[in-house]
């Protein structure tokens, strides 16, 4: 596993996030929302 150590600063912004990372986070978030919303059924 490759680990990247990045020190976040107040100057961070969305342009520093790779499209691949943003897509992965979005997919996990959406899957979690769907899974949690189906628990009530």
PDB file of N, CA and C in Angstrom:
ATOM      1  N   UNK A   1       0.841  -1.171   0.000  1.00  0.00           N
ATOM      2  CA  UNK A   1       0.000   0.000   0.000  1.00  0.00           C
ATOM      3  C   UNK A   1       0.891   1.240   0.000  1.00  0.00           C
ATOM      4  N   UNK A   2       0.585   2.151  -0.859  1.00  0.00           N
ATOM      5  CA  UNK A   2       1.324   3.405  -0.923  1.00  0.00           C
ATOM      6  C   UNK A   2       0.604   4.418  -0.042  1.00  0.00           C
ATOM      7  N   UNK A   3       1.331   5.006   0.847  1.00  0.00           N
ATOM      8  CA  UNK A   3       0.738   6.017   1.725  1.00  0.00           C
ATOM      9  C   UNK A   3       1.299   7.379   1.360  1.00  0.00           C
ATOM     10  N   UNK A   4       0.423   8.325   1.261  1.00  0.00           N
ATOM     11  CA  UNK A   4       0.813   9.687   0.959  1.00  0.00           C
ATOM     12  C   UNK A   4       0.597  10.529   2.203  1.00  0.00           C
ATOM     13  N   UNK A   5       1.603  11.243   2.597  1.00  0.00           N
ATOM     14  CA  UNK A   5       1.487  12.096   3.769  1.00  0.00           C
ATOM     15  C   UNK A   5       1.424  13.538   3.293  1.00  0.00           C
ATOM     16  N   UNK A   6       0.242  14.105   3.391  1.00  0.00           N
ATOM     17  CA  UNK A   6       0.011  15.464   2.928  1.00  0.00           C
ATOM     18  C   UNK A   6      -0.407  16.307   4.115  1.00  0.00           C
ATOM     19  N   UNK A   7       0.255  17.405   4.305  1.00  0.00           N
ATOM     20  CA  UNK A   7      -0.094  18.317   5.387  1.00  0.00           C
ATOM     21  C   UNK A   7      -1.129  19.316   4.873  1.00  0.00           C
ATOM     22  N   UNK A   8      -2.338  19.239   5.401  1.00  0.00           N
ATOM     23  CA  UNK A   8      -3.388  20.158   4.969  1.00  0.00           C
ATOM     24  C   UNK A   8      -3.140  21.549   5.523  1.00  0.00           C
ATOM     25  N   UNK A   9      -3.529  22.544   4.746  1.00  0.00           N
ATOM     26  CA  UNK A   9      -3.370  23.934   5.166  1.00  0.00           C
ATOM     27  C   UNK A   9      -4.673  24.685   4.929  1.00  0.00           C
ATOM     28  N   UNK A  10      -4.728  25.928   5.371  1.00  0.00           N
ATOM     29  CA  UNK A  10      -5.896  26.777   5.147  1.00  0.00           C
ATOM     30  C   UNK A  10      -6.021  27.165   3.680  1.00  0.00           C
ATOM     31  N   UNK A  11      -4.976  26.936   2.902  1.00  0.00           N
ATOM     32  CA  UNK A  11      -5.003  27.281   1.480  1.00  0.00           C
ATOM     33  C   UNK A  11      -5.534  26.134   0.613  1.00  0.00           C
ATOM     34  N   UNK A  12      -5.865  25.011   1.213  1.00  0.00           N
ATOM     35  CA  UNK A  12      -6.401  23.884   0.436  1.00  0.00           C
ATOM     36  C   UNK A  12      -7.706  24.292  -0.236  1.00  0.00           C
ATOM     37  N   UNK A  13      -7.930  23.730  -1.421  1.00  0.00           N
ATOM     38  CA  UNK A  13      -9.198  23.950  -2.098  1.00  0.00           C
ATOM     39  C   UNK A  13      -9.506  22.751  -2.980  1.00  0.00           C
ATOM     40  N   UNK A  14     -10.687  22.733  -3.567  1.00  0.00           N
ATOM     41  CA  UNK A  14     -11.182  21.583  -4.312  1.00  0.00           C
ATOM     42  C   UNK A  14     -10.283  21.247  -5.508  1.00  0.00           C
ATOM     43  N   UNK A  15      -9.571  22.224  -6.039  1.00  0.00           N
ATOM     44  CA  UNK A  15      -8.729  21.964  -7.204  1.00  0.00           C
ATOM     45  C   UNK A  15      -7.535  21.065  -6.877  1.00  0.00           C
ATOM     46  N   UNK A  16      -7.248  20.887  -5.592  1.00  0.00           N
ATOM     47  CA  UNK A  16      -6.123  20.043  -5.183  1.00  0.00           C
ATOM     48  C   UNK A  16      -6.506  18.569  -5.067  1.00  0.00           C
ATOM     49  N   UNK A  17      -7.801  18.272  -5.137  1.00  0.00           N
ATOM     50  CA  UNK A  17      -8.281  16.895  -5.002  1.00  0.00           C
ATOM     51  C   UNK A  17      -8.376  16.265  -6.384  1.00  0.00           C
ATOM     52  N   UNK A  18      -7.801  15.083  -6.536  1.00  0.00           N
ATOM     53  CA  UNK A  18      -7.851  14.422  -7.843  1.00  0.00           C
ATOM     54  C   UNK A  18      -9.278  13.992  -8.163  1.00  0.00           C
ATOM     55  N   UNK A  19      -9.595  13.937  -9.449  1.00  0.00           N
ATOM     56  CA  UNK A  19     -10.927  13.513  -9.882  1.00  0.00           C
ATOM     57  C   UNK A  19     -11.206  12.089  -9.423  1.00  0.00           C
ATOM     58  N   UNK A  20     -10.194  11.241  -9.436  1.00  0.00           N
ATOM     59  CA  UNK A  20     -10.356   9.848  -9.030  1.00  0.00           C
ATOM     60  C   UNK A  20     -10.714   9.743  -7.546  1.00  0.00           C
ATOM     61  N   UNK A  21     -10.046  10.514  -6.724  1.00  0.00           N
ATOM     62  CA  UNK A  21     -10.329  10.502  -5.290  1.00  0.00           C
ATOM     63  C   UNK A  21     -11.719  11.048  -5.012  1.00  0.00           C
ATOM     64  N   UNK A  22     -12.071  12.137  -5.672  1.00  0.00           N
ATOM     65  CA  UNK A  22     -13.394  12.724  -5.477  1.00  0.00           C
ATOM     66  C   UNK A  22     -14.489  11.761  -5.919  1.00  0.00           C
ATOM     67  N   UNK A  23     -14.257  11.043  -7.017  1.00  0.00           N
ATOM     68  CA  UNK A  23     -15.238  10.067  -7.491  1.00  0.00           C
ATOM     69  C   UNK A  23     -15.383   8.918  -6.499  1.00  0.00           C
ATOM     70  N   UNK A  24     -14.267   8.418  -5.975  1.00  0.00           N
ATOM     71  CA  UNK A  24     -14.305   7.316  -5.017  1.00  0.00           C
ATOM     72  C   UNK A  24     -15.071   7.713  -3.758  1.00  0.00           C
ATOM     73  N   UNK A  25     -14.808   8.897  -3.249  1.00  0.00           N
ATOM     74  CA  UNK A  25     -15.508   9.374  -2.048  1.00  0.00           C
ATOM     75  C   UNK A  25     -16.992   9.543  -2.335  1.00  0.00           C
ATOM     76  N   UNK A  26     -17.316  10.071  -3.497  1.00  0.00           N
ATOM     77  CA  UNK A  26     -18.713  10.245  -3.870  1.00  0.00           C
ATOM     78  C   UNK A  26     -19.448   8.922  -3.974  1.00  0.00           C
ATOM     79  N   UNK A  27     -18.800   7.919  -4.552  1.00  0.00           N
ATOM     80  CA  UNK A  27     -19.421   6.605  -4.697  1.00  0.00           C
ATOM     81  C   UNK A  27     -19.670   5.951  -3.344  1.00  0.00           C
ATOM     82  N   UNK A  28     -18.712   6.041  -2.455  1.00  0.00           N
ATOM     83  CA  UNK A  28     -18.875   5.469  -1.120  1.00  0.00           C
ATOM     84  C   UNK A  28     -19.975   6.208  -0.358  1.00  0.00           C
ATOM     85  N   UNK A  29     -19.990   7.526  -0.460  1.00  0.00           N
ATOM     86  CA  UNK A  29     -21.011   8.321   0.220  1.00  0.00           C
ATOM     87  C   UNK A  29     -22.403   7.970  -0.295  1.00  0.00           C
ATOM     88  N   UNK A  30     -22.563   7.907  -1.606  1.00  0.00           N
ATOM     89  CA  UNK A  30     -23.858   7.578  -2.187  1.00  0.00           C
ATOM     90  C   UNK A  30     -24.302   6.168  -1.795  1.00  0.00           C
ATOM     91  N   UNK A  31     -23.387   5.205  -1.841  1.00  0.00           N
ATOM     92  CA  UNK A  31     -23.725   3.831  -1.459  1.00  0.00           C
ATOM     93  C   UNK A  31     -24.160   3.764   0.005  1.00  0.00           C
ATOM     94  N   UNK A  32     -23.489   4.527   0.852  1.00  0.00           N
ATOM     95  CA  UNK A  32     -23.838   4.547   2.278  1.00  0.00           C
ATOM     96  C   UNK A  32     -25.217   5.153   2.491  1.00  0.00           C
ATOM     97  N   UNK A  33     -25.505   6.245   1.803  1.00  0.00           N
ATOM     98  CA  UNK A  33     -26.818   6.883   1.920  1.00  0.00           C
ATOM     99  C   UNK A  33     -27.918   5.920   1.477  1.00  0.00           C
ATOM    100  N   UNK A  34     -27.704   5.253   0.359  1.00  0.00           N
ATOM    101  CA  UNK A  34     -28.696   4.297  -0.146  1.00  0.00           C
ATOM    102  C   UNK A  34     -28.884   3.148   0.830  1.00  0.00           C
ATOM    103  N   UNK A  35     -27.779   2.606   1.326  1.00  0.00           N
ATOM    104  CA  UNK A  35     -27.865   1.480   2.269  1.00  0.00           C
ATOM    105  C   UNK A  35     -28.592   1.896   3.542  1.00  0.00           C
ATOM    106  N   UNK A  36     -28.253   3.051   4.067  1.00  0.00           N
ATOM    107  CA  UNK A  36     -28.877   3.509   5.318  1.00  0.00           C
ATOM    108  C   UNK A  36     -30.353   3.840   5.109  1.00  0.00           C
ATOM    109  N   UNK A  37     -30.709   4.366   3.947  1.00  0.00           N
ATOM    110  CA  UNK A  37     -32.109   4.712   3.713  1.00  0.00           C
ATOM    111  C   UNK A  37     -32.963   3.464   3.518  1.00  0.00           C
ATOM    112  N   UNK A  38     -32.358   2.350   3.123  1.00  0.00           N
ATOM    113  CA  UNK A  38     -33.085   1.098   2.935  1.00  0.00           C
ATOM    114  C   UNK A  38     -33.246   0.310   4.228  1.00  0.00           C
ATOM    115  N   UNK A  39     -32.606   0.713   5.302  1.00  0.00           N
ATOM    116  CA  UNK A  39     -32.719   0.009   6.581  1.00  0.00           C
ATOM    117  C   UNK A  39     -34.130   0.073   7.139  1.00  0.00           C
ATOM    118  N   UNK A  40     -34.842   1.143   6.832  1.00  0.00           N
ATOM    119  CA  UNK A  40     -36.181   1.345   7.385  1.00  0.00           C
ATOM    120  C   UNK A  40     -37.233   0.501   6.684  1.00  0.00           C
ATOM    121  N   UNK A  41     -36.896  -0.084   5.563  1.00  0.00           N
ATOM    122  CA  UNK A  41     -37.884  -0.843   4.788  1.00  0.00           C
ATOM    123  C   UNK A  41     -38.017  -2.250   5.293  1.00  0.00           C
TER     124      UNK A  41
END
